[in-house]
Amino acid sequence: MPTPTYDLRMIQQQLSSISKLRMTLVARQDAMAIGFSDQDVVDAIQALTPADFYKTMAPNSPHFTANHDVYRPNFNGLDLYIKFQLSANGQVVVSFKEK
């Protein structure tokens, strides 16, 4: 069974409101493309459970140096793909899209 790099409760705490939400531009654009507002993204993150964890993966971009944790929840009837990374300024949503 794969193990996440980051504690889910810590992710949820650090991304618990719109003012705390940190997303890459692509993640924000992808979330908007499926009709999600920033509040919807926060709500989806808060609804994650350990059972939604899918895998940990190495970064595939020179801009990211830490591992990524991938979650694949069903939220509001959509199967989502949400990827997190711990950056220097806290958790960052690297990917947020429909699976």
PDB file of N, CA and C in Angstrom:
ATOM      1  N   MET A   1       0.842  -1.185   0.000  1.00  0.00           N
ATOM      2  CA  MET A   1       0.000   0.000   0.000  1.00  0.00           C
ATOM      3  C   MET A   1       0.886   1.247   0.000  1.00  0.00           C
ATOM      4  N   PRO A   2       0.706   2.147  -0.956  1.00  0.00           N
ATOM      5  CA  PRO A   2       1.534   3.351  -0.996  1.00  0.00           C
ATOM      6  C   PRO A   2       1.239   4.273   0.192  1.00  0.00           C
ATOM      7  N   THR A   3       2.238   5.027   0.570  1.00  0.00           N
ATOM      8  CA  THR A   3       2.128   5.944   1.698  1.00  0.00           C
ATOM      9  C   THR A   3       2.346   7.373   1.222  1.00  0.00           C
ATOM     10  N   PRO A   4       1.492   8.305   1.631  1.00  0.00           N
ATOM     11  CA  PRO A   4       1.681   9.702   1.225  1.00  0.00           C
ATOM     12  C   PRO A   4       2.958  10.301   1.817  1.00  0.00           C
ATOM     13  N   THR A   5       3.517  11.256   1.116  1.00  0.00           N
ATOM     14  CA  THR A   5       4.671  11.997   1.613  1.00  0.00           C
ATOM     15  C   THR A   5       4.241  12.971   2.704  1.00  0.00           C
ATOM     16  N   TYR A   6       3.068  13.581   2.509  1.00  0.00           N
ATOM     17  CA  TYR A   6       2.591  14.640   3.404  1.00  0.00           C
ATOM     18  C   TYR A   6       1.379  14.179   4.194  1.00  0.00           C
ATOM     19  N   ASP A   7       1.244  14.683   5.392  1.00  0.00           N
ATOM     20  CA  ASP A   7       0.106  14.383   6.236  1.00  0.00           C
ATOM     21  C   ASP A   7      -1.133  15.096   5.689  1.00  0.00           C
ATOM     22  N   LEU A   8      -2.186  14.344   5.405  1.00  0.00           N
ATOM     23  CA  LEU A   8      -3.399  14.921   4.825  1.00  0.00           C
ATOM     24  C   LEU A   8      -3.989  16.003   5.722  1.00  0.00           C
ATOM     25  N   ARG A   9      -3.989  15.783   7.023  1.00  0.00           N
ATOM     26  CA  ARG A   9      -4.535  16.803   7.937  1.00  0.00           C
ATOM     27  C   ARG A   9      -3.759  18.107   7.827  1.00  0.00           C
ATOM     28  N   MET A  10      -2.440  18.023   7.635  1.00  0.00           N
ATOM     29  CA  MET A  10      -1.623  19.218   7.476  1.00  0.00           C
ATOM     30  C   MET A  10      -1.987  19.946   6.171  1.00  0.00           C
ATOM     31  N   ILE A  11      -2.173  19.181   5.097  1.00  0.00           N
ATOM     32  CA  ILE A  11      -2.584  19.771   3.826  1.00  0.00           C
ATOM     33  C   ILE A  11      -3.907  20.499   4.008  1.00  0.00           C
ATOM     34  N   GLN A  12      -4.866  19.818   4.622  1.00  0.00           N
ATOM     35  CA  GLN A  12      -6.188  20.403   4.798  1.00  0.00           C
ATOM     36  C   GLN A  12      -6.142  21.650   5.684  1.00  0.00           C
ATOM     37  N   GLN A  13      -5.315  21.630   6.691  1.00  0.00           N
ATOM     38  CA  GLN A  13      -5.184  22.790   7.569  1.00  0.00           C
ATOM     39  C   GLN A  13      -4.553  23.969   6.821  1.00  0.00           C
ATOM     40  N   GLN A  14      -3.517  23.696   6.045  1.00  0.00           N
ATOM     41  CA  GLN A  14      -2.823  24.768   5.334  1.00  0.00           C
ATOM     42  C   GLN A  14      -3.620  25.312   4.158  1.00  0.00           C
ATOM     43  N   LEU A  15      -4.579  24.544   3.655  1.00  0.00           N
ATOM     44  CA  LEU A  15      -5.391  24.979   2.516  1.00  0.00           C
ATOM     45  C   LEU A  15      -6.870  25.018   2.913  1.00  0.00           C
ATOM     46  N   SER A  16      -7.150  25.593   4.068  1.00  0.00           N
ATOM     47  CA  SER A  16      -8.487  25.519   4.652  1.00  0.00           C
ATOM     48  C   SER A  16      -9.420  26.663   4.280  1.00  0.00           C
ATOM     49  N   SER A  17      -8.941  27.631   3.525  1.00  0.00           N
ATOM     50  CA  SER A  17      -9.799  28.753   3.124  1.00  0.00           C
ATOM     51  C   SER A  17      -9.273  29.330   1.816  1.00  0.00           C
ATOM     52  N   ILE A  18     -10.103  30.142   1.182  1.00  0.00           N
ATOM     53  CA  ILE A  18      -9.683  30.772  -0.075  1.00  0.00           C
ATOM     54  C   ILE A  18      -8.421  31.605   0.145  1.00  0.00           C
ATOM     55  N   SER A  19      -8.346  32.299   1.276  1.00  0.00           N
ATOM     56  CA  SER A  19      -7.174  33.158   1.528  1.00  0.00           C
ATOM     57  C   SER A  19      -5.892  32.351   1.717  1.00  0.00           C
ATOM     58  N   LYS A  20      -6.017  31.076   2.092  1.00  0.00           N
ATOM     59  CA  LYS A  20      -4.845  30.214   2.283  1.00  0.00           C
ATOM     60  C   LYS A  20      -4.526  29.362   1.056  1.00  0.00           C
ATOM     61  N   LEU A  21      -5.432  29.361   0.074  1.00  0.00           N
ATOM     62  CA  LEU A  21      -5.280  28.489  -1.083  1.00  0.00           C
ATOM     63  C   LEU A  21      -4.116  28.939  -1.962  1.00  0.00           C
ATOM     64  N   ARG A  22      -3.211  28.019  -2.229  1.00  0.00           N
ATOM     65  CA  ARG A  22      -2.077  28.275  -3.128  1.00  0.00           C
ATOM     66  C   ARG A  22      -2.133  27.232  -4.229  1.00  0.00           C
ATOM     67  N   MET A  23      -2.268  27.716  -5.468  1.00  0.00           N
ATOM     68  CA  MET A  23      -2.378  26.812  -6.615  1.00  0.00           C
ATOM     69  C   MET A  23      -1.479  27.309  -7.733  1.00  0.00           C
ATOM     70  N   THR A  24      -0.980  26.377  -8.526  1.00  0.00           N
ATOM     71  CA  THR A  24      -0.279  26.789  -9.737  1.00  0.00           C
ATOM     72  C   THR A  24      -1.313  27.381 -10.693  1.00  0.00           C
ATOM     73  N   LEU A  25      -0.841  28.159 -11.642  1.00  0.00           N
ATOM     74  CA  LEU A  25      -1.735  28.762 -12.628  1.00  0.00           C
ATOM     75  C   LEU A  25      -2.485  27.683 -13.405  1.00  0.00           C
ATOM     76  N   VAL A  26      -1.783  26.638 -13.801  1.00  0.00           N
ATOM     77  CA  VAL A  26      -2.412  25.555 -14.557  1.00  0.00           C
ATOM     78  C   VAL A  26      -3.481  24.867 -13.715  1.00  0.00           C
ATOM     79  N   ALA A  27      -3.204  24.603 -12.450  1.00  0.00           N
ATOM     80  CA  ALA A  27      -4.194  23.961 -11.584  1.00  0.00           C
ATOM     81  C   ALA A  27      -5.436  24.836 -11.466  1.00  0.00           C
ATOM     82  N   ARG A  28      -5.254  26.141 -11.304  1.00  0.00           N
ATOM     83  CA  ARG A  28      -6.401  27.052 -11.195  1.00  0.00           C
ATOM     84  C   ARG A  28      -7.195  27.072 -12.501  1.00  0.00           C
ATOM     85  N   GLN A  29      -6.501  27.102 -13.624  1.00  0.00           N
ATOM     86  CA  GLN A  29      -7.180  27.106 -14.926  1.00  0.00           C
ATOM     87  C   GLN A  29      -7.958  25.805 -15.134  1.00  0.00           C
ATOM     88  N   ASP A  30      -7.343  24.677 -14.759  1.00  0.00           N
ATOM     89  CA  ASP A  30      -8.017  23.385 -14.914  1.00  0.00           C
ATOM     90  C   ASP A  30      -9.241  23.297 -14.003  1.00  0.00           C
ATOM     91  N   ALA A  31      -9.145  23.816 -12.783  1.00  0.00           N
ATOM     92  CA  ALA A  31     -10.284  23.821 -11.871  1.00  0.00           C
ATOM     93  C   ALA A  31     -11.422  24.669 -12.452  1.00  0.00           C
ATOM     94  N   MET A  32     -11.084  25.822 -12.974  1.00  0.00           N
ATOM     95  CA  MET A  32     -12.097  26.690 -13.578  1.00  0.00           C
ATOM     96  C   MET A  32     -12.730  26.032 -14.798  1.00  0.00           C
ATOM     97  N   ALA A  33     -11.939  25.283 -15.556  1.00  0.00           N
ATOM     98  CA  ALA A  33     -12.436  24.626 -16.772  1.00  0.00           C
ATOM     99  C   ALA A  33     -13.513  23.581 -16.458  1.00  0.00           C
ATOM    100  N   ILE A  34     -13.484  23.010 -15.243  1.00  0.00           N
ATOM    101  CA  ILE A  34     -14.525  22.041 -14.873  1.00  0.00           C
ATOM    102  C   ILE A  34     -15.599  22.704 -13.995  1.00  0.00           C
ATOM    103  N   GLY A  35     -15.562  24.030 -13.939  1.00  0.00           N
ATOM    104  CA  GLY A  35     -16.609  24.773 -13.247  1.00  0.00           C
ATOM    105  C   GLY A  35     -16.406  24.948 -11.758  1.00  0.00           C
ATOM    106  N   PHE A  36     -15.188  24.757 -11.269  1.00  0.00           N
ATOM    107  CA  PHE A  36     -14.909  24.887  -9.842  1.00  0.00           C
ATOM    108  C   PHE A  36     -14.429  26.297  -9.521  1.00  0.00           C
ATOM    109  N   SER A  37     -15.031  26.884  -8.496  1.00  0.00           N
ATOM    110  CA  SER A  37     -14.541  28.152  -7.944  1.00  0.00           C
ATOM    111  C   SER A  37     -13.427  27.837  -6.947  1.00  0.00           C
ATOM    112  N   ASP A  38     -12.766  28.870  -6.446  1.00  0.00           N
ATOM    113  CA  ASP A  38     -11.751  28.644  -5.410  1.00  0.00           C
ATOM    114  C   ASP A  38     -12.389  27.984  -4.181  1.00  0.00           C
ATOM    115  N   GLN A  39     -13.606  28.386  -3.836  1.00  0.00           N
ATOM    116  CA  GLN A  39     -14.273  27.775  -2.674  1.00  0.00           C
ATOM    117  C   GLN A  39     -14.566  26.302  -2.933  1.00  0.00           C
ATOM    118  N   ASP A  40     -14.938  25.958  -4.158  1.00  0.00           N
ATOM    119  CA  ASP A  40     -15.156  24.546  -4.499  1.00  0.00           C
ATOM    120  C   ASP A  40     -13.870  23.741  -4.327  1.00  0.00           C
ATOM    121  N   VAL A  41     -12.742  24.325  -4.730  1.00  0.00           N
ATOM    122  CA  VAL A  41     -11.447  23.648  -4.574  1.00  0.00           C
ATOM    123  C   VAL A  41     -11.157  23.424  -3.092  1.00  0.00           C
ATOM    124  N   VAL A  42     -11.350  24.460  -2.277  1.00  0.00           N
ATOM    125  CA  VAL A  42     -11.143  24.334  -0.828  1.00  0.00           C
ATOM    126  C   VAL A  42     -12.052  23.239  -0.274  1.00  0.00           C
ATOM    127  N   ASP A  43     -13.322  23.251  -0.676  1.00  0.00           N
ATOM    128  CA  ASP A  43     -14.273  22.248  -0.183  1.00  0.00           C
ATOM    129  C   ASP A  43     -13.852  20.838  -0.586  1.00  0.00           C
ATOM    130  N   ALA A  44     -13.372  20.676  -1.815  1.00  0.00           N
ATOM    131  CA  ALA A  44     -12.923  19.356  -2.279  1.00  0.00           C
ATOM    132  C   ALA A  44     -11.711  18.885  -1.466  1.00  0.00           C
ATOM    133  N   ILE A  45     -10.798  19.789  -1.176  1.00  0.00           N
ATOM    134  CA  ILE A  45      -9.619  19.438  -0.376  1.00  0.00           C
ATOM    135  C   ILE A  45     -10.044  19.048   1.042  1.00  0.00           C
ATOM    136  N   GLN A  46     -10.979  19.797   1.608  1.00  0.00           N
ATOM    137  CA  GLN A  46     -11.436  19.501   2.971  1.00  0.00           C
ATOM    138  C   GLN A  46     -12.178  18.174   3.046  1.00  0.00           C
ATOM    139  N   ALA A  47     -12.766  17.736   1.941  1.00  0.00           N
ATOM    140  CA  ALA A  47     -13.513  16.480   1.914  1.00  0.00           C
ATOM    141  C   ALA A  47     -12.627  15.254   1.675  1.00  0.00           C
ATOM    142  N   LEU A  48     -11.343  15.459   1.363  1.00  0.00           N
ATOM    143  CA  LEU A  48     -10.450  14.323   1.112  1.00  0.00           C
ATOM    144  C   LEU A  48     -10.341  13.427   2.339  1.00  0.00           C
ATOM    145  N   THR A  49     -10.207  12.139   2.081  1.00  0.00           N
ATOM    146  CA  THR A  49      -9.965  11.167   3.147  1.00  0.00           C
ATOM    147  C   THR A  49      -8.713  10.371   2.777  1.00  0.00           C
ATOM    148  N   PRO A  50      -8.093   9.709   3.739  1.00  0.00           N
ATOM    149  CA  PRO A  50      -6.927   8.879   3.418  1.00  0.00           C
ATOM    150  C   PRO A  50      -7.227   7.848   2.320  1.00  0.00           C
ATOM    151  N   ALA A  51      -8.465   7.383   2.228  1.00  0.00           N
ATOM    152  CA  ALA A  51      -8.826   6.405   1.200  1.00  0.00           C
ATOM    153  C   ALA A  51      -8.742   6.989  -0.214  1.00  0.00           C
ATOM    154  N   ASP A  52      -8.751   8.318  -0.337  1.00  0.00           N
ATOM    155  CA  ASP A  52      -8.647   8.969  -1.649  1.00  0.00           C
ATOM    156  C   ASP A  52      -7.211   9.019  -2.168  1.00  0.00           C
ATOM    157  N   PHE A  53      -6.242   8.717  -1.291  1.00  0.00           N
ATOM    158  CA  PHE A  53      -4.832   8.760  -1.715  1.00  0.00           C
ATOM    159  C   PHE A  53      -4.586   7.734  -2.811  1.00  0.00           C
ATOM    160  N   TYR A  54      -3.861   8.153  -3.856  1.00  0.00           N
ATOM    161  CA  TYR A  54      -3.582   7.278  -4.994  1.00  0.00           C
ATOM    162  C   TYR A  54      -2.105   6.896  -5.057  1.00  0.00           C
ATOM    163  N   LYS A  55      -1.216   7.916  -5.070  1.00  0.00           N
ATOM    164  CA  LYS A  55       0.212   7.608  -5.156  1.00  0.00           C
ATOM    165  C   LYS A  55       1.056   8.835  -4.832  1.00  0.00           C
ATOM    166  N   THR A  56       2.334   8.579  -4.583  1.00  0.00           N
ATOM    167  CA  THR A  56       3.342   9.625  -4.480  1.00  0.00           C
ATOM    168  C   THR A  56       4.192   9.530  -5.723  1.00  0.00           C
ATOM    169  N   MET A  57       4.551  10.681  -6.271  1.00  0.00           N
ATOM    170  CA  MET A  57       5.374  10.667  -7.476  1.00  0.00           C
ATOM    171  C   MET A  57       6.464  11.722  -7.383  1.00  0.00           C
ATOM    172  N   ALA A  58       7.560  11.440  -8.078  1.00  0.00           N
ATOM    173  CA  ALA A  58       8.663  12.390  -8.138  1.00  0.00           C
ATOM    174  C   ALA A  58       8.251  13.580  -9.010  1.00  0.00           C
ATOM    175  N   PRO A  59       8.801  14.757  -8.751  1.00  0.00           N
ATOM    176  CA  PRO A  59       8.452  15.912  -9.571  1.00  0.00           C
ATOM    177  C   PRO A  59       8.913  15.718 -11.017  1.00  0.00           C
ATOM    178  N   ASN A  60       8.130  16.246 -11.954  1.00  0.00           N
ATOM    179  CA  ASN A  60       8.503  16.121 -13.366  1.00  0.00           C
ATOM    180  C   ASN A  60       8.779  17.477 -13.999  1.00  0.00           C
ATOM    181  N   SER A  61       9.016  18.471 -13.184  1.00  0.00           N
ATOM    182  CA  SER A  61       9.302  19.818 -13.669  1.00  0.00           C
ATOM    183  C   SER A  61      10.484  20.381 -12.894  1.00  0.00           C
ATOM    184  N   PRO A  62      11.360  21.136 -13.546  1.00  0.00           N
ATOM    185  CA  PRO A  62      12.499  21.715 -12.826  1.00  0.00           C
ATOM    186  C   PRO A  62      12.077  22.745 -11.782  1.00  0.00           C
ATOM    187  N   HIS A  63      10.824  23.228 -11.855  1.00  0.00           N
ATOM    188  CA  HIS A  63      10.346  24.225 -10.891  1.00  0.00           C
ATOM    189  C   HIS A  63       9.930  23.590  -9.570  1.00  0.00           C
ATOM    190  N   PHE A  64       9.754  22.275  -9.565  1.00  0.00           N
ATOM    191  CA  PHE A  64       9.334  21.561  -8.359  1.00  0.00           C
ATOM    192  C   PHE A  64      10.412  20.551  -7.986  1.00  0.00           C
ATOM    193  N   THR A  65      10.784  20.534  -6.719  1.00  0.00           N
ATOM    194  CA  THR A  65      11.863  19.647  -6.287  1.00  0.00           C
ATOM    195  C   THR A  65      11.405  18.603  -5.272  1.00  0.00           C
ATOM    196  N   ALA A  66      10.206  18.746  -4.744  1.00  0.00           N
ATOM    197  CA  ALA A  66       9.710  17.809  -3.738  1.00  0.00           C
ATOM    198  C   ALA A  66       8.711  16.832  -4.371  1.00  0.00           C
ATOM    199  N   ASN A  67       8.506  15.727  -3.700  1.00  0.00           N
ATOM    200  CA  ASN A  67       7.528  14.743  -4.175  1.00  0.00           C
ATOM    201  C   ASN A  67       6.135  15.339  -4.255  1.00  0.00           C
ATOM    202  N   HIS A  68       5.291  14.723  -5.062  1.00  0.00           N
ATOM    203  CA  HIS A  68       3.891  15.099  -5.192  1.00  0.00           C
ATOM    204  C   HIS A  68       3.041  13.968  -4.642  1.00  0.00           C
ATOM    205  N   ASP A  69       2.013  14.306  -3.889  1.00  0.00           N
ATOM    206  CA  ASP A  69       1.020  13.322  -3.450  1.00  0.00           C
ATOM    207  C   ASP A  69      -0.218  13.502  -4.317  1.00  0.00           C
ATOM    208  N   VAL A  70      -0.721  12.400  -4.843  1.00  0.00           N
ATOM    209  CA  VAL A  70      -1.873  12.424  -5.738  1.00  0.00           C
ATOM    210  C   VAL A  70      -3.070  11.781  -5.030  1.00  0.00           C
ATOM    211  N   TYR A  71      -4.186  12.479  -5.091  1.00  0.00           N
ATOM    212  CA  TYR A  71      -5.455  11.987  -4.557  1.00  0.00           C
ATOM    213  C   TYR A  71      -6.455  11.908  -5.703  1.00  0.00           C
ATOM    214  N   ARG A  72      -7.318  10.887  -5.652  1.00  0.00           N
ATOM    215  CA  ARG A  72      -8.334  10.712  -6.696  1.00  0.00           C
ATOM    216  C   ARG A  72      -9.705  10.522  -6.045  1.00  0.00           C
ATOM    217  N   PRO A  73     -10.286  11.624  -5.552  1.00  0.00           N
ATOM    218  CA  PRO A  73     -11.601  11.535  -4.911  1.00  0.00           C
ATOM    219  C   PRO A  73     -12.737  11.691  -5.913  1.00  0.00           C
ATOM    220  N   ASN A  74     -13.926  11.347  -5.453  1.00  0.00           N
ATOM    221  CA  ASN A  74     -15.145  11.718  -6.163  1.00  0.00           C
ATOM    222  C   ASN A  74     -15.753  12.834  -5.337  1.00  0.00           C
ATOM    223  N   PHE A  75     -15.965  13.985  -5.958  1.00  0.00           N
ATOM    224  CA  PHE A  75     -16.508  15.146  -5.255  1.00  0.00           C
ATOM    225  C   PHE A  75     -17.568  15.784  -6.133  1.00  0.00           C
ATOM    226  N   ASN A  76     -18.747  15.978  -5.575  1.00  0.00           N
ATOM    227  CA  ASN A  76     -19.872  16.561  -6.322  1.00  0.00           C
ATOM    228  C   ASN A  76     -20.123  15.825  -7.636  1.00  0.00           C
ATOM    229  N   GLY A  77     -19.966  14.497  -7.608  1.00  0.00           N
ATOM    230  CA  GLY A  77     -20.254  13.691  -8.780  1.00  0.00           C
ATOM    231  C   GLY A  77     -19.162  13.632  -9.819  1.00  0.00           C
ATOM    232  N   LEU A  78     -18.022  14.267  -9.549  1.00  0.00           N
ATOM    233  CA  LEU A  78     -16.898  14.242 -10.494  1.00  0.00           C
ATOM    234  C   LEU A  78     -15.735  13.455  -9.909  1.00  0.00           C
ATOM    235  N   ASP A  79     -15.111  12.612 -10.725  1.00  0.00           N
ATOM    236  CA  ASP A  79     -13.874  11.951 -10.329  1.00  0.00           C
ATOM    237  C   ASP A  79     -12.749  12.939 -10.576  1.00  0.00           C
ATOM    238  N   LEU A  80     -12.054  13.309  -9.498  1.00  0.00           N
ATOM    239  CA  LEU A  80     -11.011  14.333  -9.586  1.00  0.00           C
ATOM    240  C   LEU A  80      -9.618  13.730  -9.451  1.00  0.00           C
ATOM    241  N   TYR A  81      -8.643  14.489  -9.927  1.00  0.00           N
ATOM    242  CA  TYR A  81      -7.219  14.187  -9.799  1.00  0.00           C
ATOM    243  C   TYR A  81      -6.612  15.422  -9.163  1.00  0.00           C
ATOM    244  N   ILE A  82      -6.175  15.301  -7.910  1.00  0.00           N
ATOM    245  CA  ILE A  82      -5.626  16.441  -7.171  1.00  0.00           C
ATOM    246  C   ILE A  82      -4.206  16.088  -6.738  1.00  0.00           C
ATOM    247  N   LYS A  83      -3.275  16.942  -7.083  1.00  0.00           N
ATOM    248  CA  LYS A  83      -1.866  16.679  -6.766  1.00  0.00           C
ATOM    249  C   LYS A  83      -1.331  17.827  -5.914  1.00  0.00           C
ATOM    250  N   PHE A  84      -0.657  17.478  -4.811  1.00  0.00           N
ATOM    251  CA  PHE A  84      -0.094  18.452  -3.872  1.00  0.00           C
ATOM    252  C   PHE A  84       1.421  18.332  -3.813  1.00  0.00           C
ATOM    253  N   GLN A  85       2.056  19.453  -3.483  1.00  0.00           N
ATOM    254  CA  GLN A  85       3.481  19.456  -3.204  1.00  0.00           C
ATOM    255  C   GLN A  85       3.735  20.447  -2.081  1.00  0.00           C
ATOM    256  N   LEU A  86       4.702  20.172  -1.231  1.00  0.00           N
ATOM    257  CA  LEU A  86       5.105  21.117  -0.200  1.00  0.00           C
ATOM    258  C   LEU A  86       6.153  22.045  -0.796  1.00  0.00           C
ATOM    259  N   SER A  87       5.837  23.320  -0.845  1.00  0.00           N
ATOM    260  CA  SER A  87       6.782  24.305  -1.373  1.00  0.00           C
ATOM    261  C   SER A  87       7.336  25.126  -0.223  1.00  0.00           C
ATOM    262  N   ALA A  88       8.222  26.048  -0.525  1.00  0.00           N
ATOM    263  CA  ALA A  88       8.834  26.879   0.501  1.00  0.00           C
ATOM    264  C   ALA A  88       7.796  27.707   1.257  1.00  0.00           C
ATOM    265  N   ASN A  89       6.681  28.057   0.594  1.00  0.00           N
ATOM    266  CA  ASN A  89       5.661  28.885   1.257  1.00  0.00           C
ATOM    267  C   ASN A  89       4.435  28.089   1.666  1.00  0.00           C
ATOM    268  N   GLY A  90       4.557  26.784   1.792  1.00  0.00           N
ATOM    269  CA  GLY A  90       3.438  25.952   2.224  1.00  0.00           C
ATOM    270  C   GLY A  90       2.962  25.026   1.123  1.00  0.00           C
ATOM    271  N   GLN A  91       1.863  24.327   1.404  1.00  0.00           N
ATOM    272  CA  GLN A  91       1.328  23.388   0.430  1.00  0.00           C
ATOM    273  C   GLN A  91       0.869  24.119  -0.825  1.00  0.00           C
ATOM    274  N   VAL A  92       1.078  23.493  -1.957  1.00  0.00           N
ATOM    275  CA  VAL A  92       0.650  24.041  -3.233  1.00  0.00           C
ATOM    276  C   VAL A  92      -0.139  22.963  -3.976  1.00  0.00           C
ATOM    277  N   VAL A  93      -1.281  23.357  -4.523  1.00  0.00           N
ATOM    278  CA  VAL A  93      -2.024  22.463  -5.394  1.00  0.00           C
ATOM    279  C   VAL A  93      -1.377  22.557  -6.769  1.00  0.00           C
ATOM    280  N   VAL A  94      -0.748  21.486  -7.197  1.00  0.00           N
ATOM    281  CA  VAL A  94      -0.027  21.463  -8.467  1.00  0.00           C
ATOM    282  C   VAL A  94      -0.964  21.087  -9.606  1.00  0.00           C
ATOM    283  N   SER A  95      -1.945  20.237  -9.303  1.00  0.00           N
ATOM    284  CA  SER A  95      -2.880  19.794 -10.329  1.00  0.00           C
ATOM    285  C   SER A  95      -4.254  19.634  -9.717  1.00  0.00           C
ATOM    286  N   PHE A  96      -5.282  20.083 -10.433  1.00  0.00           N
ATOM    287  CA  PHE A  96      -6.657  19.924  -9.977  1.00  0.00           C
ATOM    288  C   PHE A  96      -7.516  19.811 -11.224  1.00  0.00           C
ATOM    289  N   LYS A  97      -7.906  18.596 -11.551  1.00  0.00           N
ATOM    290  CA  LYS A  97      -8.653  18.393 -12.792  1.00  0.00           C
ATOM    291  C   LYS A  97      -9.544  17.177 -12.679  1.00  0.00           C
ATOM    292  N   GLU A  98     -10.404  17.032 -13.671  1.00  0.00           N
ATOM    293  CA  GLU A  98     -11.237  15.839 -13.732  1.00  0.00           C
ATOM    294  C   GLU A  98     -10.383  14.685 -14.216  1.00  0.00           C
ATOM    295  N   LYS A  99     -10.543  13.542 -13.555  1.00  0.00           N
ATOM    296  CA  LYS A  99      -9.739  12.358 -13.909  1.00  0.00           C
ATOM    297  C   LYS A  99     -10.133  11.816 -15.256  1.00  0.00           C
TER     298      LYS A  99
END
